[in-house]
């Protein structure tokens, strides 16, 4: 193998690792924000876990955060939780997820 081939393989390996970490972090963020919302809705135990899964699945509908924001806003608007509150919580849960995944890696 040439030096170029070695470098290309190293870049491909790093890219794959980074994408896997990004997926894991976003999945953890989805679960964390789902559990936060479940608590706001008065759900606990298995009901909270099921709700968190539904939030996580809603995040897979379209790229970006618009789908998860729409779901959470629709579910939490009656409790006075606005879009800006949800966006702030997404940022907080992202940081929390990054810390959890980085600590586990």
PDB file of N, CA and C in Angstrom:
ATOM      1  N   UNK A   1       0.832  -1.180   0.000  1.00  0.00           N
ATOM      2  CA  UNK A   1       0.000   0.000   0.000  1.00  0.00           C
ATOM      3  C   UNK A   1       0.877   1.244   0.000  1.00  0.00           C
ATOM      4  N   UNK A   2       0.404   2.257  -0.664  1.00  0.00           N
ATOM      5  CA  UNK A   2       1.151   3.509  -0.705  1.00  0.00           C
ATOM      6  C   UNK A   2       0.745   4.393   0.476  1.00  0.00           C
ATOM      7  N   UNK A   3       1.521   5.429   0.672  1.00  0.00           N
ATOM      8  CA  UNK A   3       1.210   6.384   1.734  1.00  0.00           C
ATOM      9  C   UNK A   3      -0.149   7.018   1.496  1.00  0.00           C
ATOM     10  N   UNK A   4      -0.449   7.306   0.240  1.00  0.00           N
ATOM     11  CA  UNK A   4      -1.753   7.878  -0.098  1.00  0.00           C
ATOM     12  C   UNK A   4      -2.878   6.930   0.296  1.00  0.00           C
ATOM     13  N   UNK A   5      -2.734   5.647  -0.010  1.00  0.00           N
ATOM     14  CA  UNK A   5      -3.757   4.661   0.343  1.00  0.00           C
ATOM     15  C   UNK A   5      -3.930   4.578   1.859  1.00  0.00           C
ATOM     16  N   UNK A   6      -2.824   4.630   2.594  1.00  0.00           N
ATOM     17  CA  UNK A   6      -2.887   4.585   4.050  1.00  0.00           C
ATOM     18  C   UNK A   6      -3.639   5.802   4.602  1.00  0.00           C
ATOM     19  N   UNK A   7      -3.317   6.964   4.057  1.00  0.00           N
ATOM     20  CA  UNK A   7      -3.983   8.186   4.511  1.00  0.00           C
ATOM     21  C   UNK A   7      -5.473   8.160   4.164  1.00  0.00           C
ATOM     22  N   UNK A   8      -5.798   7.670   2.978  1.00  0.00           N
ATOM     23  CA  UNK A   8      -7.196   7.604   2.577  1.00  0.00           C
ATOM     24  C   UNK A   8      -7.962   6.666   3.505  1.00  0.00           C
ATOM     25  N   UNK A   9      -7.392   5.527   3.809  1.00  0.00           N
ATOM     26  CA  UNK A   9      -8.041   4.573   4.700  1.00  0.00           C
ATOM     27  C   UNK A   9      -8.216   5.174   6.100  1.00  0.00           C
ATOM     28  N   UNK A  10      -7.218   5.898   6.561  1.00  0.00           N
ATOM     29  CA  UNK A  10      -7.306   6.531   7.877  1.00  0.00           C
ATOM     30  C   UNK A  10      -8.433   7.573   7.903  1.00  0.00           C
ATOM     31  N   UNK A  11      -8.546   8.377   6.855  1.00  0.00           N
ATOM     32  CA  UNK A  11      -9.614   9.369   6.779  1.00  0.00           C
ATOM     33  C   UNK A  11     -10.985   8.697   6.724  1.00  0.00           C
ATOM     34  N   UNK A  12     -11.102   7.620   5.970  1.00  0.00           N
ATOM     35  CA  UNK A  12     -12.372   6.906   5.878  1.00  0.00           C
ATOM     36  C   UNK A  12     -12.754   6.309   7.224  1.00  0.00           C
ATOM     37  N   UNK A  13     -11.786   5.760   7.929  1.00  0.00           N
ATOM     38  CA  UNK A  13     -12.039   5.182   9.244  1.00  0.00           C
ATOM     39  C   UNK A  13     -12.479   6.261  10.231  1.00  0.00           C
ATOM     40  N   UNK A  14     -11.804   7.399  10.210  1.00  0.00           N
ATOM     41  CA  UNK A  14     -12.164   8.505  11.101  1.00  0.00           C
ATOM     42  C   UNK A  14     -13.558   9.024  10.774  1.00  0.00           C
ATOM     43  N   UNK A  15     -13.873   9.157   9.496  1.00  0.00           N
ATOM     44  CA  UNK A  15     -15.187   9.634   9.092  1.00  0.00           C
ATOM     45  C   UNK A  15     -16.277   8.685   9.601  1.00  0.00           C
ATOM     46  N   UNK A  16     -16.073   7.391   9.420  1.00  0.00           N
ATOM     47  CA  UNK A  16     -17.052   6.405   9.872  1.00  0.00           C
ATOM     48  C   UNK A  16     -17.233   6.487  11.393  1.00  0.00           C
ATOM     49  N   UNK A  17     -16.144   6.623  12.117  1.00  0.00           N
ATOM     50  CA  UNK A  17     -16.209   6.723  13.571  1.00  0.00           C
ATOM     51  C   UNK A  17     -16.961   7.993  13.987  1.00  0.00           C
ATOM     52  N   UNK A  18     -16.642   9.114  13.353  1.00  0.00           N
ATOM     53  CA  UNK A  18     -17.299  10.378  13.685  1.00  0.00           C
ATOM     54  C   UNK A  18     -18.804  10.324  13.409  1.00  0.00           C
ATOM     55  N   UNK A  19     -19.190   9.714  12.304  1.00  0.00           N
ATOM     56  CA  UNK A  19     -20.610   9.590  11.976  1.00  0.00           C
ATOM     57  C   UNK A  19     -21.330   8.682  12.966  1.00  0.00           C
ATOM     58  N   UNK A  20     -20.689   7.608  13.373  1.00  0.00           N
ATOM     59  CA  UNK A  20     -21.285   6.715  14.368  1.00  0.00           C
ATOM     60  C   UNK A  20     -21.475   7.448  15.696  1.00  0.00           C
ATOM     61  N   UNK A  21     -20.473   8.220  16.098  1.00  0.00           N
ATOM     62  CA  UNK A  21     -20.570   8.978  17.345  1.00  0.00           C
ATOM     63  C   UNK A  21     -21.682  10.026  17.247  1.00  0.00           C
ATOM     64  N   UNK A  22     -21.792  10.684  16.119  1.00  0.00           N
ATOM     65  CA  UNK A  22     -22.841  11.689  15.923  1.00  0.00           C
ATOM     66  C   UNK A  22     -24.214  11.043  16.027  1.00  0.00           C
ATOM     67  N   UNK A  23     -24.386   9.885  15.412  1.00  0.00           N
ATOM     68  CA  UNK A  23     -25.664   9.170  15.477  1.00  0.00           C
ATOM     69  C   UNK A  23     -25.986   8.796  16.927  1.00  0.00           C
ATOM     70  N   UNK A  24     -24.996   8.269  17.640  1.00  0.00           N
ATOM     71  CA  UNK A  24     -25.215   7.854  19.025  1.00  0.00           C
ATOM     72  C   UNK A  24     -25.566   9.045  19.915  1.00  0.00           C
ATOM     73  N   UNK A  25     -24.900  10.168  19.695  1.00  0.00           N
ATOM     74  CA  UNK A  25     -25.169  11.369  20.490  1.00  0.00           C
ATOM     75  C   UNK A  25     -26.580  11.882  20.213  1.00  0.00           C
ATOM     76  N   UNK A  26     -26.971  11.935  18.941  1.00  0.00           N
ATOM     77  CA  UNK A  26     -28.315  12.423  18.608  1.00  0.00           C
ATOM     78  C   UNK A  26     -29.398  11.473  19.109  1.00  0.00           C
ATOM     79  N   UNK A  27     -29.126  10.187  19.076  1.00  0.00           N
ATOM     80  CA  UNK A  27     -30.088   9.226  19.614  1.00  0.00           C
ATOM     81  C   UNK A  27     -30.232   9.405  21.125  1.00  0.00           C
ATOM     82  N   UNK A  28     -29.125   9.592  21.807  1.00  0.00           N
ATOM     83  CA  UNK A  28     -29.176   9.809  23.252  1.00  0.00           C
ATOM     84  C   UNK A  28     -29.908  11.119  23.565  1.00  0.00           C
ATOM     85  N   UNK A  29     -29.629  12.166  22.771  1.00  0.00           N
ATOM     86  CA  UNK A  29     -30.326  13.436  22.971  1.00  0.00           C
ATOM     87  C   UNK A  29     -31.832  13.260  22.814  1.00  0.00           C
ATOM     88  N   UNK A  30     -32.237  12.490  21.802  1.00  0.00           N
ATOM     89  CA  UNK A  30     -33.661  12.243  21.583  1.00  0.00           C
ATOM     90  C   UNK A  30     -34.304  11.541  22.761  1.00  0.00           C
ATOM     91  N   UNK A  31     -33.597  10.582  23.317  1.00  0.00           N
ATOM     92  CA  UNK A  31     -34.141   9.874  24.475  1.00  0.00           C
ATOM     93  C   UNK A  31     -34.214  10.808  25.680  1.00  0.00           C
ATOM     94  N   UNK A  32     -33.168  11.588  25.896  1.00  0.00           N
ATOM     95  CA  UNK A  32     -33.151  12.493  27.048  1.00  0.00           C
ATOM     96  C   UNK A  32     -34.254  13.546  26.964  1.00  0.00           C
ATOM     97  N   UNK A  33     -34.445  14.121  25.776  1.00  0.00           N
ATOM     98  CA  UNK A  33     -35.498  15.137  25.661  1.00  0.00           C
ATOM     99  C   UNK A  33     -36.876  14.490  25.725  1.00  0.00           C
ATOM    100  N   UNK A  34     -36.981  13.266  25.239  1.00  0.00           N
ATOM    101  CA  UNK A  34     -38.244  12.542  25.352  1.00  0.00           C
ATOM    102  C   UNK A  34     -38.605  12.267  26.801  1.00  0.00           C
ATOM    103  N   UNK A  35     -37.611  11.905  27.604  1.00  0.00           N
ATOM    104  CA  UNK A  35     -37.856  11.663  29.027  1.00  0.00           C
ATOM    105  C   UNK A  35     -38.199  12.970  29.751  1.00  0.00           C
ATOM    106  N   UNK A  36     -37.553  14.064  29.350  1.00  0.00           N
ATOM    107  CA  UNK A  36     -37.876  15.372  29.909  1.00  0.00           C
ATOM    108  C   UNK A  36     -39.336  15.727  29.623  1.00  0.00           C
ATOM    109  N   UNK A  37     -39.736  15.555  28.366  1.00  0.00           N
ATOM    110  CA  UNK A  37     -41.109  15.872  27.970  1.00  0.00           C
ATOM    111  C   UNK A  37     -42.101  14.943  28.660  1.00  0.00           C
ATOM    112  N   UNK A  38     -41.748  13.677  28.785  1.00  0.00           N
ATOM    113  CA  UNK A  38     -42.624  12.722  29.466  1.00  0.00           C
ATOM    114  C   UNK A  38     -42.872  13.152  30.907  1.00  0.00           C
ATOM    115  N   UNK A  39     -41.828  13.633  31.554  1.00  0.00           N
ATOM    116  CA  UNK A  39     -41.978  14.118  32.930  1.00  0.00           C
ATOM    117  C   UNK A  39     -42.929  15.308  32.977  1.00  0.00           C
ATOM    118  N   UNK A  40     -42.779  16.224  32.009  1.00  0.00           N
ATOM    119  CA  UNK A  40     -43.676  17.381  31.928  1.00  0.00           C
ATOM    120  C   UNK A  40     -45.129  16.936  31.750  1.00  0.00           C
ATOM    121  N   UNK A  41     -45.318  15.837  31.020  1.00  0.00           N
ATOM    122  CA  UNK A  41     -46.662  15.323  30.746  1.00  0.00           C
ATOM    123  C   UNK A  41     -47.186  14.431  31.867  1.00  0.00           C
ATOM    124  N   UNK A  42     -46.378  14.218  32.893  1.00  0.00           N
ATOM    125  CA  UNK A  42     -46.807  13.402  34.030  1.00  0.00           C
ATOM    126  C   UNK A  42     -46.669  11.909  33.808  1.00  0.00           C
ATOM    127  N   UNK A  43     -45.843  11.527  32.863  1.00  0.00           N
ATOM    128  CA  UNK A  43     -45.631  10.102  32.580  1.00  0.00           C
ATOM    129  C   UNK A  43     -44.415   9.612  33.356  1.00  0.00           C
ATOM    130  N   UNK A  44     -44.473   8.362  33.783  1.00  0.00           N
ATOM    131  CA  UNK A  44     -43.309   7.765  34.428  1.00  0.00           C
ATOM    132  C   UNK A  44     -43.236   6.285  34.076  1.00  0.00           C
ATOM    133  N   UNK A  45     -42.122   5.668  34.439  1.00  0.00           N
ATOM    134  CA  UNK A  45     -41.941   4.241  34.181  1.00  0.00           C
ATOM    135  C   UNK A  45     -41.972   3.901  32.709  1.00  0.00           C
ATOM    136  N   UNK A  46     -42.697   2.833  32.393  1.00  0.00           N
ATOM    137  CA  UNK A  46     -42.775   2.348  31.017  1.00  0.00           C
ATOM    138  C   UNK A  46     -43.449   3.361  30.096  1.00  0.00           C
ATOM    139  N   UNK A  47     -44.425   4.099  30.614  1.00  0.00           N
ATOM    140  CA  UNK A  47     -45.105   5.107  29.800  1.00  0.00           C
ATOM    141  C   UNK A  47     -44.117   6.201  29.379  1.00  0.00           C
ATOM    142  N   UNK A  48     -43.224   6.589  30.276  1.00  0.00           N
ATOM    143  CA  UNK A  48     -42.206   7.593  29.946  1.00  0.00           C
ATOM    144  C   UNK A  48     -41.237   7.051  28.911  1.00  0.00           C
ATOM    145  N   UNK A  49     -40.814   5.794  29.072  1.00  0.00           N
ATOM    146  CA  UNK A  49     -39.911   5.176  28.095  1.00  0.00           C
ATOM    147  C   UNK A  49     -40.567   5.081  26.719  1.00  0.00           C
ATOM    148  N   UNK A  50     -41.833   4.691  26.694  1.00  0.00           N
ATOM    149  CA  UNK A  50     -42.553   4.592  25.418  1.00  0.00           C
ATOM    150  C   UNK A  50     -42.688   5.963  24.755  1.00  0.00           C
ATOM    151  N   UNK A  51     -42.973   6.977  25.555  1.00  0.00           N
ATOM    152  CA  UNK A  51     -43.073   8.320  24.996  1.00  0.00           C
ATOM    153  C   UNK A  51     -41.726   8.778  24.446  1.00  0.00           C
ATOM    154  N   UNK A  52     -40.650   8.512  25.190  1.00  0.00           N
ATOM    155  CA  UNK A  52     -39.304   8.893  24.734  1.00  0.00           C
ATOM    156  C   UNK A  52     -38.984   8.211  23.409  1.00  0.00           C
ATOM    157  N   UNK A  53     -39.386   6.955  23.251  1.00  0.00           N
ATOM    158  CA  UNK A  53     -39.171   6.255  21.979  1.00  0.00           C
ATOM    159  C   UNK A  53     -39.953   6.911  20.853  1.00  0.00           C
ATOM    160  N   UNK A  54     -41.170   7.358  21.147  1.00  0.00           N
ATOM    161  CA  UNK A  54     -41.966   8.011  20.100  1.00  0.00           C
ATOM    162  C   UNK A  54     -41.332   9.339  19.688  1.00  0.00           C
ATOM    163  N   UNK A  55     -40.717  10.034  20.637  1.00  0.00           N
ATOM    164  CA  UNK A  55     -40.017  11.276  20.317  1.00  0.00           C
ATOM    165  C   UNK A  55     -38.797  10.965  19.456  1.00  0.00           C
ATOM    166  N   UNK A  56     -38.066   9.945  19.830  1.00  0.00           N
ATOM    167  CA  UNK A  56     -36.882   9.540  19.072  1.00  0.00           C
ATOM    168  C   UNK A  56     -37.259   9.159  17.643  1.00  0.00           C
ATOM    169  N   UNK A  57     -38.342   8.423  17.479  1.00  0.00           N
ATOM    170  CA  UNK A  57     -38.788   8.035  16.137  1.00  0.00           C
ATOM    171  C   UNK A  57     -39.257   9.241  15.329  1.00  0.00           C
ATOM    172  N   UNK A  58     -39.868  10.213  15.991  1.00  0.00           N
ATOM    173  CA  UNK A  58     -40.327  11.400  15.266  1.00  0.00           C
ATOM    174  C   UNK A  58     -39.147  12.192  14.721  1.00  0.00           C
ATOM    175  N   UNK A  59     -37.998  12.066  15.374  1.00  0.00           N
ATOM    176  CA  UNK A  59     -36.806  12.796  14.937  1.00  0.00           C
ATOM    177  C   UNK A  59     -36.215  12.206  13.663  1.00  0.00           C
ATOM    178  N   UNK A  60     -36.692  11.061  13.241  1.00  0.00           N
ATOM    179  CA  UNK A  60     -36.173  10.406  12.037  1.00  0.00           C
ATOM    180  C   UNK A  60     -36.978  10.739  10.783  1.00  0.00           C
ATOM    181  N   UNK A  61     -38.038  11.542  10.939  1.00  0.00           N
ATOM    182  CA  UNK A  61     -38.925  11.806   9.813  1.00  0.00           C
ATOM    183  C   UNK A  61     -38.295  12.697   8.751  1.00  0.00           C
ATOM    184  N   UNK A  62     -37.708  13.803   9.155  1.00  0.00           N
ATOM    185  CA  UNK A  62     -37.047  14.704   8.210  1.00  0.00           C
ATOM    186  C   UNK A  62     -35.718  15.146   8.798  1.00  0.00           C
ATOM    187  N   UNK A  63     -34.754  15.483   7.970  1.00  0.00           N
ATOM    188  CA  UNK A  63     -33.460  15.932   8.501  1.00  0.00           C
ATOM    189  C   UNK A  63     -33.614  17.208   9.328  1.00  0.00           C
ATOM    190  N   UNK A  64     -32.795  17.331  10.340  1.00  0.00           N
ATOM    191  CA  UNK A  64     -32.837  18.507  11.200  1.00  0.00           C
ATOM    192  C   UNK A  64     -33.733  18.287  12.404  1.00  0.00           C
ATOM    193  N   UNK A  65     -33.932  19.364  13.135  1.00  0.00           N
ATOM    194  CA  UNK A  65     -34.682  19.277  14.386  1.00  0.00           C
ATOM    195  C   UNK A  65     -36.143  19.678  14.260  1.00  0.00           C
ATOM    196  N   UNK A  66     -36.583  20.103  13.084  1.00  0.00           N
ATOM    197  CA  UNK A  66     -37.947  20.606  12.944  1.00  0.00           C
ATOM    198  C   UNK A  66     -39.002  19.572  13.309  1.00  0.00           C
ATOM    199  N   UNK A  67     -38.768  18.311  12.981  1.00  0.00           N
ATOM    200  CA  UNK A  67     -39.761  17.278  13.272  1.00  0.00           C
ATOM    201  C   UNK A  67     -39.894  17.029  14.773  1.00  0.00           C
ATOM    202  N   UNK A  68     -38.795  16.989  15.470  1.00  0.00           N
ATOM    203  CA  UNK A  68     -38.851  16.748  16.914  1.00  0.00           C
ATOM    204  C   UNK A  68     -39.428  17.976  17.627  1.00  0.00           C
ATOM    205  N   UNK A  69     -39.094  19.167  17.155  1.00  0.00           N
ATOM    206  CA  UNK A  69     -39.638  20.392  17.745  1.00  0.00           C
ATOM    207  C   UNK A  69     -41.157  20.435  17.549  1.00  0.00           C
ATOM    208  N   UNK A  70     -41.617  20.079  16.359  1.00  0.00           N
ATOM    209  CA  UNK A  70     -43.055  20.085  16.074  1.00  0.00           C
ATOM    210  C   UNK A  70     -43.795  19.106  16.975  1.00  0.00           C
ATOM    211  N   UNK A  71     -43.254  17.908  17.145  1.00  0.00           N
ATOM    212  CA  UNK A  71     -43.910  16.916  18.001  1.00  0.00           C
ATOM    213  C   UNK A  71     -43.980  17.408  19.439  1.00  0.00           C
ATOM    214  N   UNK A  72     -42.836  17.852  19.952  1.00  0.00           N
ATOM    215  CA  UNK A  72     -42.808  18.294  21.340  1.00  0.00           C
ATOM    216  C   UNK A  72     -43.688  19.520  21.557  1.00  0.00           C
ATOM    217  N   UNK A  73     -43.672  20.443  20.603  1.00  0.00           N
ATOM    218  CA  UNK A  73     -44.513  21.630  20.743  1.00  0.00           C
ATOM    219  C   UNK A  73     -45.990  21.243  20.730  1.00  0.00           C
ATOM    220  N   UNK A  74     -46.349  20.334  19.847  1.00  0.00           N
ATOM    221  CA  UNK A  74     -47.739  19.882  19.795  1.00  0.00           C
ATOM    222  C   UNK A  74     -48.177  19.213  21.090  1.00  0.00           C
ATOM    223  N   UNK A  75     -47.276  18.460  21.687  1.00  0.00           N
ATOM    224  CA  UNK A  75     -47.608  17.742  22.913  1.00  0.00           C
ATOM    225  C   UNK A  75     -47.545  18.627  24.157  1.00  0.00           C
ATOM    226  N   UNK A  76     -46.665  19.626  24.146  1.00  0.00           N
ATOM    227  CA  UNK A  76     -46.414  20.413  25.353  1.00  0.00           C
ATOM    228  C   UNK A  76     -46.996  21.831  25.322  1.00  0.00           C
ATOM    229  N   UNK A  77     -47.545  22.251  24.206  1.00  0.00           N
ATOM    230  CA  UNK A  77     -48.041  23.630  24.090  1.00  0.00           C
ATOM    231  C   UNK A  77     -49.104  23.931  25.148  1.00  0.00           C
ATOM    232  N   UNK A  78     -49.939  22.970  25.446  1.00  0.00           N
ATOM    233  CA  UNK A  78     -50.978  23.159  26.454  1.00  0.00           C
ATOM    234  C   UNK A  78     -50.424  23.372  27.850  1.00  0.00           C
ATOM    235  N   UNK A  79     -49.160  23.035  28.043  1.00  0.00           N
ATOM    236  CA  UNK A  79     -48.513  23.214  29.350  1.00  0.00           C
ATOM    237  C   UNK A  79     -47.700  24.502  29.402  1.00  0.00           C
ATOM    238  N   UNK A  80     -47.794  25.304  28.353  1.00  0.00           N
ATOM    239  CA  UNK A  80     -47.078  26.569  28.313  1.00  0.00           C
ATOM    240  C   UNK A  80     -45.628  26.465  27.887  1.00  0.00           C
ATOM    241  N   UNK A  81     -45.259  25.334  27.290  1.00  0.00           N
ATOM    242  CA  UNK A  81     -43.887  25.149  26.809  1.00  0.00           C
ATOM    243  C   UNK A  81     -43.833  25.606  25.355  1.00  0.00           C
ATOM    244  N   UNK A  82     -43.020  26.615  25.086  1.00  0.00           N
ATOM    245  CA  UNK A  82     -42.931  27.170  23.747  1.00  0.00           C
ATOM    246  C   UNK A  82     -41.786  26.589  22.939  1.00  0.00           C
ATOM    247  N   UNK A  83     -41.726  26.981  21.695  1.00  0.00           N
ATOM    248  CA  UNK A  83     -40.682  26.506  20.787  1.00  0.00           C
ATOM    249  C   UNK A  83     -39.299  26.888  21.298  1.00  0.00           C
ATOM    250  N   UNK A  84     -39.153  28.109  21.806  1.00  0.00           N
ATOM    251  CA  UNK A  84     -37.840  28.524  22.318  1.00  0.00           C
ATOM    252  C   UNK A  84     -37.417  27.700  23.524  1.00  0.00           C
ATOM    253  N   UNK A  85     -38.388  27.315  24.365  1.00  0.00           N
ATOM    254  CA  UNK A  85     -38.088  26.443  25.508  1.00  0.00           C
ATOM    255  C   UNK A  85     -37.585  25.086  25.018  1.00  0.00           C
ATOM    256  N   UNK A  86     -38.223  24.583  23.983  1.00  0.00           N
ATOM    257  CA  UNK A  86     -37.845  23.277  23.429  1.00  0.00           C
ATOM    258  C   UNK A  86     -36.455  23.354  22.799  1.00  0.00           C
ATOM    259  N   UNK A  87     -36.190  24.429  22.062  1.00  0.00           N
ATOM    260  CA  UNK A  87     -34.869  24.589  21.440  1.00  0.00           C
ATOM    261  C   UNK A  87     -33.778  24.689  22.499  1.00  0.00           C
ATOM    262  N   UNK A  88     -34.048  25.409  23.568  1.00  0.00           N
ATOM    263  CA  UNK A  88     -33.073  25.522  24.658  1.00  0.00           C
ATOM    264  C   UNK A  88     -32.837  24.163  25.309  1.00  0.00           C
ATOM    265  N   UNK A  89     -33.898  23.400  25.487  1.00  0.00           N
ATOM    266  CA  UNK A  89     -33.759  22.083  26.103  1.00  0.00           C
ATOM    267  C   UNK A  89     -33.027  21.125  25.158  1.00  0.00           C
ATOM    268  N   UNK A  90     -33.257  21.250  23.851  1.00  0.00           N
ATOM    269  CA  UNK A  90     -32.521  20.430  22.887  1.00  0.00           C
ATOM    270  C   UNK A  90     -31.021  20.695  23.005  1.00  0.00           C
ATOM    271  N   UNK A  91     -30.645  21.954  23.129  1.00  0.00           N
ATOM    272  CA  UNK A  91     -29.226  22.303  23.269  1.00  0.00           C
ATOM    273  C   UNK A  91     -28.664  21.742  24.572  1.00  0.00           C
ATOM    274  N   UNK A  92     -29.430  21.863  25.642  1.00  0.00           N
ATOM    275  CA  UNK A  92     -28.983  21.335  26.935  1.00  0.00           C
ATOM    276  C   UNK A  92     -28.829  19.818  26.885  1.00  0.00           C
ATOM    277  N   UNK A  93     -29.805  19.144  26.312  1.00  0.00           N
ATOM    278  CA  UNK A  93     -29.761  17.679  26.243  1.00  0.00           C
ATOM    279  C   UNK A  93     -28.675  17.205  25.284  1.00  0.00           C
ATOM    280  N   UNK A  94     -28.366  18.006  24.246  1.00  0.00           N
ATOM    281  CA  UNK A  94     -27.271  17.655  23.346  1.00  0.00           C
ATOM    282  C   UNK A  94     -25.947  17.665  24.106  1.00  0.00           C
ATOM    283  N   UNK A  95     -25.737  18.699  24.893  1.00  0.00           N
ATOM    284  CA  UNK A  95     -24.503  18.775  25.690  1.00  0.00           C
ATOM    285  C   UNK A  95     -24.426  17.619  26.679  1.00  0.00           C
ATOM    286  N   UNK A  96     -25.552  17.299  27.279  1.00  0.00           N
ATOM    287  CA  UNK A  96     -25.600  16.181  28.228  1.00  0.00           C
ATOM    288  C   UNK A  96     -25.305  14.861  27.515  1.00  0.00           C
ATOM    289  N   UNK A  97     -25.877  14.670  26.336  1.00  0.00           N
ATOM    290  CA  UNK A  97     -25.654  13.444  25.569  1.00  0.00           C
ATOM    291  C   UNK A  97     -24.193  13.325  25.137  1.00  0.00           C
ATOM    292  N   UNK A  98     -23.602  14.443  24.696  1.00  0.00           N
ATOM    293  CA  UNK A  98     -22.192  14.421  24.295  1.00  0.00           C
ATOM    294  C   UNK A  98     -21.312  14.015  25.470  1.00  0.00           C
ATOM    295  N   UNK A  99     -21.604  14.546  26.648  1.00  0.00           N
ATOM    296  CA  UNK A  99     -20.818  14.193  27.834  1.00  0.00           C
ATOM    297  C   UNK A  99     -20.995  12.711  28.186  1.00  0.00           C
ATOM    298  N   UNK A 100     -22.203  12.222  28.093  1.00  0.00           N
ATOM    299  CA  UNK A 100     -22.463  10.817  28.416  1.00  0.00           C
ATOM    300  C   UNK A 100     -21.785   9.877  27.425  1.00  0.00           C
ATOM    301  N   UNK A 101     -21.894  10.184  26.142  1.00  0.00           N
ATOM    302  CA  UNK A 101     -21.305   9.314  25.119  1.00  0.00           C
ATOM    303  C   UNK A 101     -19.782   9.409  25.149  1.00  0.00           C
ATOM    304  N   UNK A 102     -19.256  10.604  25.319  1.00  0.00           N
ATOM    305  CA  UNK A 102     -17.798  10.762  25.386  1.00  0.00           C
ATOM    306  C   UNK A 102     -17.231  10.050  26.598  1.00  0.00           C
ATOM    307  N   UNK A 103     -17.959  10.083  27.698  1.00  0.00           N
ATOM    308  CA  UNK A 103     -17.520   9.385  28.904  1.00  0.00           C
ATOM    309  C   UNK A 103     -17.573   7.876  28.752  1.00  0.00           C
ATOM    310  N   UNK A 104     -18.517   7.411  27.920  1.00  0.00           N
ATOM    311  CA  UNK A 104     -18.670   5.970  27.711  1.00  0.00           C
ATOM    312  C   UNK A 104     -17.684   5.430  26.686  1.00  0.00           C
ATOM    313  N   UNK A 105     -17.167   6.315  25.837  1.00  0.00           N
ATOM    314  CA  UNK A 105     -16.291   5.863  24.742  1.00  0.00           C
ATOM    315  C   UNK A 105     -14.882   5.583  25.205  1.00  0.00           C
TER     316      UNK A 105
END
